[in-house]
PDB file of N, CA and C in Angstrom:
ATOM      1  N   UNK A   1     128.806  59.043 147.278  1.00  0.00           N
ATOM      2  CA  UNK A   1     128.103  60.126 146.574  1.00  0.00           C
ATOM      3  C   UNK A   1     128.675  61.338 146.874  1.00  0.00           C
ATOM      4  N   UNK A   2     128.553  61.581 148.090  1.00  0.00           N
ATOM      5  CA  UNK A   2     128.784  63.251 148.604  1.00  0.00           C
ATOM      6  C   UNK A   2     130.348  63.536 148.359  1.00  0.00           C
ATOM      7  N   UNK A   3     131.045  62.704 148.115  1.00  0.00           N
ATOM      8  CA  UNK A   3     132.512  62.741 148.044  1.00  0.00           C
ATOM      9  C   UNK A   3     132.485  63.774 146.474  1.00  0.00           C
ATOM     10  N   UNK A   4     131.550  62.935 145.141  1.00  0.00           N
ATOM     11  CA  UNK A   4     131.710  63.102 143.964  1.00  0.00           C
ATOM     12  C   UNK A   4     131.448  64.449 143.894  1.00  0.00           C
ATOM     13  N   UNK A   5     130.260  64.671 144.433  1.00  0.00           N
ATOM     14  CA  UNK A   5     129.617  66.108 144.558  1.00  0.00           C
ATOM     15  C   UNK A   5     130.469  67.288 144.580  1.00  0.00           C
ATOM     16  N   UNK A   6     131.332  66.786 145.960  1.00  0.00           N
ATOM     17  CA  UNK A   6     131.976  67.818 146.762  1.00  0.00           C
ATOM     18  C   UNK A   6     133.007  68.157 145.543  1.00  0.00           C
ATOM     19  N   UNK A   7     133.328  67.336 144.975  1.00  0.00           N
ATOM     20  CA  UNK A   7     134.610  67.644 143.974  1.00  0.00           C
ATOM     21  C   UNK A   7     134.262  67.876 142.685  1.00  0.00           C
ATOM     22  N   UNK A   8     132.670  67.916 142.153  1.00  0.00           N
ATOM     23  CA  UNK A   8     132.094  68.019 141.107  1.00  0.00           C
ATOM     24  C   UNK A   8     131.762  69.724 141.042  1.00  0.00           C
ATOM     25  N   UNK A   9     131.116  70.210 142.115  1.00  0.00           N
ATOM     26  CA  UNK A   9     130.818  71.604 142.087  1.00  0.00           C
ATOM     27  C   UNK A   9     132.104  72.794 142.289  1.00  0.00           C
ATOM     28  N   UNK A  10     132.993  72.220 142.433  1.00  0.00           N
ATOM     29  CA  UNK A  10     134.070  73.558 142.278  1.00  0.00           C
ATOM     30  C   UNK A  10     134.825  73.389 141.068  1.00  0.00           C
ATOM     31  N   UNK A  11     134.792  72.043 140.456  1.00  0.00           N
ATOM     32  CA  UNK A  11     134.904  71.992 138.760  1.00  0.00           C
ATOM     33  C   UNK A  11     133.966  73.029 137.968  1.00  0.00           C
ATOM     34  N   UNK A  12     132.589  72.719 138.433  1.00  0.00           N
ATOM     35  CA  UNK A  12     131.477  73.154 137.525  1.00  0.00           C
ATOM     36  C   UNK A  12     131.637  74.811 137.520  1.00  0.00           C
ATOM     37  N   UNK A  13     132.170  75.505 139.344  1.00  0.00           N
ATOM     38  CA  UNK A  13     132.188  76.812 139.550  1.00  0.00           C
ATOM     39  C   UNK A  13     133.432  77.374 138.441  1.00  0.00           C
ATOM     40  N   UNK A  14     134.659  76.384 138.604  1.00  0.00           N
ATOM     41  CA  UNK A  14     135.752  77.232 137.883  1.00  0.00           C
ATOM     42  C   UNK A  14     135.445  77.107 136.581  1.00  0.00           C
ATOM     43  N   UNK A  15     134.507  76.294 135.660  1.00  0.00           N
ATOM     44  CA  UNK A  15     134.288  76.130 134.340  1.00  0.00           C
ATOM     45  C   UNK A  15     133.083  77.713 133.837  1.00  0.00           C
ATOM     46  N   UNK A  16     132.563  77.472 134.821  1.00  0.00           N
ATOM     47  CA  UNK A  16     131.253  78.747 134.948  1.00  0.00           C
ATOM     48  C   UNK A  16     132.026  80.117 134.912  1.00  0.00           C
ATOM     49  N   UNK A  17     133.169  80.040 136.099  1.00  0.00           N
ATOM     50  CA  UNK A  17     133.537  81.407 135.707  1.00  0.00           C
ATOM     51  C   UNK A  17     134.543  82.048 134.574  1.00  0.00           C
ATOM     52  N   UNK A  18     135.443  80.681 134.087  1.00  0.00           N
ATOM     53  CA  UNK A  18     136.097  81.159 132.958  1.00  0.00           C
ATOM     54  C   UNK A  18     135.192  81.808 131.651  1.00  0.00           C
ATOM     55  N   UNK A  19     134.268  81.132 131.480  1.00  0.00           N
ATOM     56  CA  UNK A  19     133.516  80.815 130.288  1.00  0.00           C
ATOM     57  C   UNK A  19     132.880  82.636 130.226  1.00  0.00           C
ATOM     58  N   UNK A  20     131.976  82.960 131.808  1.00  0.00           N
ATOM     59  CA  UNK A  20     131.834  84.138 132.065  1.00  0.00           C
ATOM     60  C   UNK A  20     133.039  85.338 131.568  1.00  0.00           C
ATOM     61  N   UNK A  21     133.910  84.894 132.114  1.00  0.00           N
ATOM     62  CA  UNK A  21     134.882  86.008 132.064  1.00  0.00           C
ATOM     63  C   UNK A  21     135.653  86.150 130.594  1.00  0.00           C
ATOM     64  N   UNK A  22     135.012  84.916 130.008  1.00  0.00           N
ATOM     65  CA  UNK A  22     135.289  85.149 128.331  1.00  0.00           C
ATOM     66  C   UNK A  22     134.518  85.850 127.739  1.00  0.00           C
ATOM     67  N   UNK A  23     133.324  85.628 127.898  1.00  0.00           N
ATOM     68  CA  UNK A  23     132.161  86.585 127.670  1.00  0.00           C
ATOM     69  C   UNK A  23     132.303  87.855 127.857  1.00  0.00           C
ATOM     70  N   UNK A  24     132.626  87.965 128.988  1.00  0.00           N
ATOM     71  CA  UNK A  24     132.358  89.517 128.841  1.00  0.00           C
ATOM     72  C   UNK A  24     133.594  90.274 128.537  1.00  0.00           C
ATOM     73  N   UNK A  25     134.645  89.480 128.216  1.00  0.00           N
ATOM     74  CA  UNK A  25     135.980  90.313 127.546  1.00  0.00           C
ATOM     75  C   UNK A  25     135.893  90.364 126.161  1.00  0.00           C
ATOM     76  N   UNK A  26     135.198  89.511 125.598  1.00  0.00           N
ATOM     77  CA  UNK A  26     134.626  89.517 124.260  1.00  0.00           C
ATOM     78  C   UNK A  26     133.379  90.350 123.604  1.00  0.00           C
ATOM     79  N   UNK A  27     132.584  90.640 124.517  1.00  0.00           N
ATOM     80  CA  UNK A  27     131.581  91.521 124.272  1.00  0.00           C
ATOM     81  C   UNK A  27     131.796  92.864 123.909  1.00  0.00           C
ATOM     82  N   UNK A  28     132.661  93.462 124.509  1.00  0.00           N
ATOM     83  CA  UNK A  28     133.341  95.169 123.693  1.00  0.00           C
ATOM     84  C   UNK A  28     133.508  94.845 122.244  1.00  0.00           C
ATOM     85  N   UNK A  29     134.358  93.817 122.351  1.00  0.00           N
ATOM     86  CA  UNK A  29     134.857  93.309 121.041  1.00  0.00           C
ATOM     87  C   UNK A  29     133.847  93.610 120.005  1.00  0.00           C
ATOM     88  N   UNK A  30     132.737  92.960 119.942  1.00  0.00           N
ATOM     89  CA  UNK A  30     131.753  92.521 119.389  1.00  0.00           C
ATOM     90  C   UNK A  30     130.854  93.331 119.220  1.00  0.00           C
ATOM     91  N   UNK A  31     130.817  94.249 120.112  1.00  0.00           N
ATOM     92  CA  UNK A  31     129.696  95.519 120.269  1.00  0.00           C
ATOM     93  C   UNK A  31     130.454  96.737 118.956  1.00  0.00           C
ATOM     94  N   UNK A  32     131.838  96.568 119.225  1.00  0.00           N
ATOM     95  CA  UNK A  32     132.154  97.802 118.534  1.00  0.00           C
ATOM     96  C   UNK A  32     132.401  97.319 116.866  1.00  0.00           C
ATOM     97  N   UNK A  33     132.304  96.235 116.547  1.00  0.00           N
ATOM     98  CA  UNK A  33     132.139  95.789 115.488  1.00  0.00           C
ATOM     99  C   UNK A  33     131.217  96.018 114.494  1.00  0.00           C
ATOM    100  N   UNK A  34     131.474  96.141 112.924  1.00  0.00           N
ATOM    101  CA  UNK A  34     130.431  96.914 112.376  1.00  0.00           C
ATOM    102  C   UNK A  34     129.529  95.652 112.119  1.00  0.00           C
ATOM    103  N   UNK A  35     128.366  96.150 111.868  1.00  0.00           N
ATOM    104  CA  UNK A  35     127.206  94.994 112.003  1.00  0.00           C
ATOM    105  C   UNK A  35     127.202  94.340 110.325  1.00  0.00           C
ATOM    106  N   UNK A  36     126.218  93.183 109.981  1.00  0.00           N
ATOM    107  CA  UNK A  36     126.941  92.849 108.549  1.00  0.00           C
ATOM    108  C   UNK A  36     126.161  93.226 107.767  1.00  0.00           C
ATOM    109  N   UNK A  37     124.739  94.154 108.363  1.00  0.00           N
ATOM    110  CA  UNK A  37     123.521  94.589 107.592  1.00  0.00           C
ATOM    111  C   UNK A  37     123.931  95.883 107.514  1.00  0.00           C
ATOM    112  N   UNK A  38     124.628  96.404 107.528  1.00  0.00           N
ATOM    113  CA  UNK A  38     124.948  97.878 107.377  1.00  0.00           C
ATOM    114  C   UNK A  38     125.013  98.374 106.207  1.00  0.00           C
ATOM    115  N   UNK A  39     125.906  97.471 105.319  1.00  0.00           N
ATOM    116  CA  UNK A  39     125.614  97.342 103.751  1.00  0.00           C
ATOM    117  C   UNK A  39     124.262  97.631 103.209  1.00  0.00           C
ATOM    118  N   UNK A  40     123.686  97.182 103.475  1.00  0.00           N
ATOM    119  CA  UNK A  40     122.124  97.023 103.259  1.00  0.00           C
ATOM    120  C   UNK A  40     121.081  98.712 103.097  1.00  0.00           C
ATOM    121  N   UNK A  41     122.035  99.108 104.421  1.00  0.00           N
ATOM    122  CA  UNK A  41     120.674 100.503 105.115  1.00  0.00           C
ATOM    123  C   UNK A  41     121.842 101.576 104.319  1.00  0.00           C
ATOM    124  N   UNK A  42     123.000 101.350 103.810  1.00  0.00           N
ATOM    125  CA  UNK A  42     124.334 102.353 103.464  1.00  0.00           C
ATOM    126  C   UNK A  42     124.638 101.480 102.377  1.00  0.00           C
ATOM    127  N   UNK A  43     124.350 101.437 101.079  1.00  0.00           N
ATOM    128  CA  UNK A  43     124.744 101.132 100.149  1.00  0.00           C
ATOM    129  C   UNK A  43     126.219 101.506  99.370  1.00  0.00           C
ATOM    130  N   UNK A  44     126.818 100.709  98.871  1.00  0.00           N
ATOM    131  CA  UNK A  44     128.327 101.372  98.484  1.00  0.00           C
ATOM    132  C   UNK A  44     128.178 101.867  96.973  1.00  0.00           C
ATOM    133  N   UNK A  45     127.300 101.556  96.187  1.00  0.00           N
ATOM    134  CA  UNK A  45     127.171 102.239  95.120  1.00  0.00           C
ATOM    135  C   UNK A  45     126.617 103.628  95.531  1.00  0.00           C
ATOM    136  N   UNK A  46     127.260 104.560  94.797  1.00  0.00           N
ATOM    137  CA  UNK A  46     126.332 105.743  94.497  1.00  0.00           C
ATOM    138  C   UNK A  46     124.828 105.998  94.005  1.00  0.00           C
ATOM    139  N   UNK A  47     124.988 105.000  92.938  1.00  0.00           N
ATOM    140  CA  UNK A  47     123.869 104.754  92.191  1.00  0.00           C
ATOM    141  C   UNK A  47     122.645 104.021  92.309  1.00  0.00           C
ATOM    142  N   UNK A  48     122.859 103.440  93.242  1.00  0.00           N
ATOM    143  CA  UNK A  48     122.116 101.981  93.811  1.00  0.00           C
ATOM    144  C   UNK A  48     120.560 102.283  93.965  1.00  0.00           C
ATOM    145  N   UNK A  49     120.003 103.288  94.462  1.00  0.00           N
ATOM    146  CA  UNK A  49     118.420 103.239  94.276  1.00  0.00           C
ATOM    147  C   UNK A  49     118.261 103.845  92.771  1.00  0.00           C
ATOM    148  N   UNK A  50     118.908 104.765  92.173  1.00  0.00           N
ATOM    149  CA  UNK A  50     118.581 104.891  91.109  1.00  0.00           C
ATOM    150  C   UNK A  50     118.578 103.832  90.208  1.00  0.00           C
ATOM    151  N   UNK A  51     119.486 102.879  90.077  1.00  0.00           N
ATOM    152  CA  UNK A  51     119.462 101.545  89.298  1.00  0.00           C
ATOM    153  C   UNK A  51     118.386 100.822  89.883  1.00  0.00           C
ATOM    154  N   UNK A  52     117.997 100.700  90.751  1.00  0.00           N
ATOM    155  CA  UNK A  52     117.036  99.824  91.410  1.00  0.00           C
ATOM    156  C   UNK A  52     115.463 100.571  90.845  1.00  0.00           C
ATOM    157  N   UNK A  53     115.296 101.654  90.884  1.00  0.00           N
ATOM    158  CA  UNK A  53     114.224 102.181  90.386  1.00  0.00           C
ATOM    159  C   UNK A  53     114.118 101.945  88.630  1.00  0.00           C
ATOM    160  N   UNK A  54     115.300 102.193  87.969  1.00  0.00           N
ATOM    161  CA  UNK A  54     115.152 101.733  86.975  1.00  0.00           C
ATOM    162  C   UNK A  54     114.669 100.567  86.301  1.00  0.00           C
ATOM    163  N   UNK A  55     115.349  99.457  86.999  1.00  0.00           N
ATOM    164  CA  UNK A  55     115.216  97.879  86.943  1.00  0.00           C
ATOM    165  C   UNK A  55     113.871  97.575  87.186  1.00  0.00           C
ATOM    166  N   UNK A  56     112.846  98.412  88.248  1.00  0.00           N
ATOM    167  CA  UNK A  56     111.504  98.428  88.760  1.00  0.00           C
ATOM    168  C   UNK A  56     111.030  98.964  87.884  1.00  0.00           C
ATOM    169  N   UNK A  57     111.081 100.123  87.169  1.00  0.00           N
ATOM    170  CA  UNK A  57     110.306 100.519  85.992  1.00  0.00           C
ATOM    171  C   UNK A  57     110.235  99.703  84.759  1.00  0.00           C
ATOM    172  N   UNK A  58     111.677  98.934  84.461  1.00  0.00           N
ATOM    173  CA  UNK A  58     111.854  97.975  82.970  1.00  0.00           C
ATOM    174  C   UNK A  58     110.595  96.940  83.377  1.00  0.00           C
ATOM    175  N   UNK A  59     110.913  96.475  84.573  1.00  0.00           N
ATOM    176  CA  UNK A  59     109.581  95.013  84.665  1.00  0.00           C
ATOM    177  C   UNK A  59     108.156  95.480  84.999  1.00  0.00           C
ATOM    178  N   UNK A  60     107.978  96.568  85.329  1.00  0.00           N
ATOM    179  CA  UNK A  60     106.365  97.204  84.987  1.00  0.00           C
ATOM    180  C   UNK A  60     106.016  97.388  83.577  1.00  0.00           C
ATOM    181  N   UNK A  61     107.049  98.127  82.744  1.00  0.00           N
ATOM    182  CA  UNK A  61     106.859  97.886  81.450  1.00  0.00           C
ATOM    183  C   UNK A  61     106.804  96.953  80.833  1.00  0.00           C
ATOM    184  N   UNK A  62     107.782  95.685  80.970  1.00  0.00           N
ATOM    185  CA  UNK A  62     107.558  94.312  80.742  1.00  0.00           C
ATOM    186  C   UNK A  62     106.171  93.813  80.856  1.00  0.00           C
ATOM    187  N   UNK A  63     105.936  93.898  82.086  1.00  0.00           N
ATOM    188  CA  UNK A  63     104.436  93.618  82.742  1.00  0.00           C
ATOM    189  C   UNK A  63     103.341  93.916  81.574  1.00  0.00           C
ATOM    190  N   UNK A  64     102.923  95.260  81.792  1.00  0.00           N
ATOM    191  CA  UNK A  64     102.365  96.072  80.812  1.00  0.00           C
ATOM    192  C   UNK A  64     102.183  95.519  79.435  1.00  0.00           C
ATOM    193  N   UNK A  65     103.394  95.435  78.728  1.00  0.00           N
ATOM    194  CA  UNK A  65     103.145  95.063  77.445  1.00  0.00           C
ATOM    195  C   UNK A  65     102.948  93.722  77.303  1.00  0.00           C
ATOM    196  N   UNK A  66     103.195  92.430  78.082  1.00  0.00           N
ATOM    197  CA  UNK A  66     102.697  91.237  78.076  1.00  0.00           C
ATOM    198  C   UNK A  66     101.247  91.721  77.815  1.00  0.00           C
ATOM    199  N   UNK A  67     100.299  92.002  78.805  1.00  0.00           N
ATOM    200  CA  UNK A  67      99.382  92.009  79.210  1.00  0.00           C
ATOM    201  C   UNK A  67      98.328  92.452  77.675  1.00  0.00           C
ATOM    202  N   UNK A  68      99.163  93.358  77.156  1.00  0.00           N
ATOM    203  CA  UNK A  68      98.402  94.429  76.142  1.00  0.00           C
ATOM    204  C   UNK A  68      98.676  93.468  74.677  1.00  0.00           C
ATOM    205  N   UNK A  69      99.862  92.478  74.551  1.00  0.00           N
ATOM    206  CA  UNK A  69      99.347  91.401  73.591  1.00  0.00           C
ATOM    207  C   UNK A  69      98.778  90.852  72.955  1.00  0.00           C
ATOM    208  N   UNK A  70      97.938  90.712  71.729  1.00  0.00           N
ATOM    209  CA  UNK A  70      97.144  90.360  71.327  1.00  0.00           C
ATOM    210  C   UNK A  70      97.039  88.968  71.716  1.00  0.00           C
ATOM    211  N   UNK A  71      95.541  87.835  72.156  1.00  0.00           N
ATOM    212  CA  UNK A  71      96.129  86.406  72.530  1.00  0.00           C
ATOM    213  C   UNK A  71      96.228  86.013  71.051  1.00  0.00           C
ATOM    214  N   UNK A  72      96.778  84.870  71.046  1.00  0.00           N
ATOM    215  CA  UNK A  72      97.314  84.281  69.579  1.00  0.00           C
ATOM    216  C   UNK A  72      96.063  83.225  68.930  1.00  0.00           C
ATOM    217  N   UNK A  73      95.766  82.495  69.952  1.00  0.00           N
ATOM    218  CA  UNK A  73      94.491  81.730  69.612  1.00  0.00           C
ATOM    219  C   UNK A  73      93.078  82.032  70.655  1.00  0.00           C
ATOM    220  N   UNK A  74      92.034  82.446  70.157  1.00  0.00           N
ATOM    221  CA  UNK A  74      91.027  82.875  70.890  1.00  0.00           C
ATOM    222  C   UNK A  74      90.375  82.015  71.602  1.00  0.00           C
ATOM    223  N   UNK A  75      89.704  81.982  72.344  1.00  0.00           N
ATOM    224  CA  UNK A  75      88.920  80.560  73.237  1.00  0.00           C
ATOM    225  C   UNK A  75      87.838  80.143  72.083  1.00  0.00           C
ATOM    226  N   UNK A  76      87.448  78.876  71.841  1.00  0.00           N
ATOM    227  CA  UNK A  76      86.478  77.918  71.259  1.00  0.00           C
ATOM    228  C   UNK A  76      85.994  77.588  71.586  1.00  0.00           C
ATOM    229  N   UNK A  77      84.263  77.820  71.638  1.00  0.00           N
ATOM    230  CA  UNK A  77      83.423  77.384  71.926  1.00  0.00           C
ATOM    231  C   UNK A  77      82.773  76.035  71.149  1.00  0.00           C
ATOM    232  N   UNK A  78      82.440  75.172  71.589  1.00  0.00           N
ATOM    233  CA  UNK A  78      81.786  74.161  70.470  1.00  0.00           C
ATOM    234  C   UNK A  78      80.362  74.739  70.607  1.00  0.00           C
ATOM    235  N   UNK A  79      79.532  74.073  69.458  1.00  0.00           N
ATOM    236  CA  UNK A  79      78.263  74.574  69.422  1.00  0.00           C
ATOM    237  C   UNK A  79      77.368  73.646  70.379  1.00  0.00           C
ATOM    238  N   UNK A  80      77.936  72.544  70.680  1.00  0.00           N
ATOM    239  CA  UNK A  80      77.209  71.833  72.040  1.00  0.00           C
ATOM    240  C   UNK A  80      77.225  72.394  73.231  1.00  0.00           C
ATOM    241  N   UNK A  81      78.534  73.128  73.597  1.00  0.00           N
ATOM    242  CA  UNK A  81      78.553  73.487  74.662  1.00  0.00           C
ATOM    243  C   UNK A  81      77.538  74.714  75.077  1.00  0.00           C
ATOM    244  N   UNK A  82      77.596  75.663  73.683  1.00  0.00           N
ATOM    245  CA  UNK A  82      77.237  76.739  73.548  1.00  0.00           C
ATOM    246  C   UNK A  82      75.465  76.347  74.144  1.00  0.00           C
ATOM    247  N   UNK A  83      75.173  75.309  73.274  1.00  0.00           N
ATOM    248  CA  UNK A  83      73.720  74.978  73.365  1.00  0.00           C
ATOM    249  C   UNK A  83      73.307  74.674  75.139  1.00  0.00           C
ATOM    250  N   UNK A  84      74.203  74.045  75.755  1.00  0.00           N
ATOM    251  CA  UNK A  84      74.239  73.777  76.977  1.00  0.00           C
ATOM    252  C   UNK A  84      74.057  74.818  78.264  1.00  0.00           C
ATOM    253  N   UNK A  85      75.040  75.762  77.529  1.00  0.00           N
ATOM    254  CA  UNK A  85      74.866  77.077  78.345  1.00  0.00           C
ATOM    255  C   UNK A  85      73.987  78.022  78.275  1.00  0.00           C
ATOM    256  N   UNK A  86      73.082  77.977  77.092  1.00  0.00           N
ATOM    257  CA  UNK A  86      72.007  78.544  76.740  1.00  0.00           C
ATOM    258  C   UNK A  86      70.807  78.326  77.854  1.00  0.00           C
ATOM    259  N   UNK A  87      70.903  76.878  77.729  1.00  0.00           N
ATOM    260  CA  UNK A  87      69.662  76.013  78.645  1.00  0.00           C
ATOM    261  C   UNK A  87      69.879  76.460  80.387  1.00  0.00           C
ATOM    262  N   UNK A  88      71.214  76.474  80.369  1.00  0.00           N
ATOM    263  CA  UNK A  88      71.430  76.782  81.889  1.00  0.00           C
ATOM    264  C   UNK A  88      70.984  78.370  82.177  1.00  0.00           C
ATOM    265  N   UNK A  89      71.036  78.879  81.847  1.00  0.00           N
ATOM    266  CA  UNK A  89      70.986  80.155  81.808  1.00  0.00           C
ATOM    267  C   UNK A  89      69.927  80.616  82.832  1.00  0.00           C
ATOM    268  N   UNK A  90      68.770  80.078  82.220  1.00  0.00           N
ATOM    269  CA  UNK A  90      67.724  80.373  82.935  1.00  0.00           C
ATOM    270  C   UNK A  90      67.441  80.133  84.841  1.00  0.00           C
ATOM    271  N   UNK A  91      68.341  78.795  84.636  1.00  0.00           N
ATOM    272  CA  UNK A  91      68.628  78.078  85.928  1.00  0.00           C
ATOM    273  C   UNK A  91      69.148  79.150  87.179  1.00  0.00           C
ATOM    274  N   UNK A  92      70.173  80.114  86.133  1.00  0.00           N
ATOM    275  CA  UNK A  92      71.221  80.947  87.169  1.00  0.00           C
ATOM    276  C   UNK A  92      70.383  82.016  87.517  1.00  0.00           C
ATOM    277  N   UNK A  93      69.136  82.291  87.029  1.00  0.00           N
ATOM    278  CA  UNK A  93      68.256  83.608  87.924  1.00  0.00           C
ATOM    279  C   UNK A  93      67.560  82.860  89.391  1.00  0.00           C
ATOM    280  N   UNK A  94      67.509  83.472  90.246  1.00  0.00           N
ATOM    281  CA  UNK A  94      67.406  83.352  91.471  1.00  0.00           C
ATOM    282  C   UNK A  94      65.668  82.783  91.317  1.00  0.00           C
ATOM    283  N   UNK A  95      64.796  82.263  92.028  1.00  0.00           N
ATOM    284  CA  UNK A  95      63.433  82.160  91.698  1.00  0.00           C
ATOM    285  C   UNK A  95      63.112  82.224  93.549  1.00  0.00           C
ATOM    286  N   UNK A  96      62.164  83.183  93.437  1.00  0.00           N
ATOM    287  CA  UNK A  96      61.103  83.256  94.839  1.00  0.00           C
ATOM    288  C   UNK A  96      60.043  82.163  94.929  1.00  0.00           C
ATOM    289  N   UNK A  97      60.563  81.496  96.157  1.00  0.00           N
ATOM    290  CA  UNK A  97      59.724  80.062  96.520  1.00  0.00           C
ATOM    291  C   UNK A  97      58.625  80.366  97.342  1.00  0.00           C
ATOM    292  N   UNK A  98      57.414  79.989  96.723  1.00  0.00           N
ATOM    293  CA  UNK A  98      56.352  80.467  97.782  1.00  0.00           C
ATOM    294  C   UNK A  98      56.421  80.047  99.294  1.00  0.00           C
ATOM    295  N   UNK A  99      55.909  80.884 100.189  1.00  0.00           N
ATOM    296  CA  UNK A  99      56.044  80.689 101.517  1.00  0.00           C
ATOM    297  C   UNK A  99      55.212  79.239 102.146  1.00  0.00           C
ATOM    298  N   UNK A 100      55.648  78.706 102.717  1.00  0.00           N
ATOM    299  CA  UNK A 100      55.551  77.162 103.614  1.00  0.00           C
ATOM    300  C   UNK A 100      54.170  77.626 104.090  1.00  0.00           C
ATOM    301  N   UNK A 101      53.028  76.691 103.639  1.00  0.00           N
ATOM    302  CA  UNK A 101      51.623  77.248 104.478  1.00  0.00           C
ATOM    303  C   UNK A 101      51.617  76.260 105.896  1.00  0.00           C
ATOM    304  N   UNK A 102      52.521  75.860 106.083  1.00  0.00           N
ATOM    305  CA  UNK A 102      52.756  74.989 107.326  1.00  0.00           C
ATOM    306  C   UNK A 102      53.520  75.589 108.915  1.00  0.00           C
ATOM    307  N   UNK A 103      54.106  76.878 108.059  1.00  0.00           N
ATOM    308  CA  UNK A 103      54.963  77.687 108.834  1.00  0.00           C
ATOM    309  C   UNK A 103      53.582  78.652 109.583  1.00  0.00           C
ATOM    310  N   UNK A 104      53.890  79.580 110.929  1.00  0.00           N
ATOM    311  CA  UNK A 104      52.781  80.129 111.371  1.00  0.00           C
ATOM    312  C   UNK A 104      53.505  81.872 111.232  1.00  0.00           C
ATOM    313  N   UNK A 105      52.770  82.676 110.776  1.00  0.00           N
ATOM    314  CA  UNK A 105      53.096  84.147 110.625  1.00  0.00           C
ATOM    315  C   UNK A 105      52.705  84.656 111.521  1.00  0.00           C
ATOM    316  N   UNK A 106      53.691  85.128 112.750  1.00  0.00           N
ATOM    317  CA  UNK A 106      53.401  85.781 113.820  1.00  0.00           C
ATOM    318  C   UNK A 106      53.802  87.299 113.484  1.00  0.00           C
TER     319      UNK A 106
END
């Protein structure tokens, strides 16, 4: 078992050193390359923000126009439902309950 471990450690040592060397050599190349998200910060189109603002304004106008449009069919309440609602209205008012006579008032 010791012979296997004695042969294994030098191999692992060599692999580790080669990997570290490769990473250290390639690191400066990766660091100098331009990041992918740079176009998001500095867009290539000169009117990028103007077009975005115009599109945003159009979307707002569309939403405002939709909310102003009249409703095609108004809500209809049946007479039976109206009667039930009128009966329930008094029950929606909070009622003051009398004090419990068994409770002590300190």
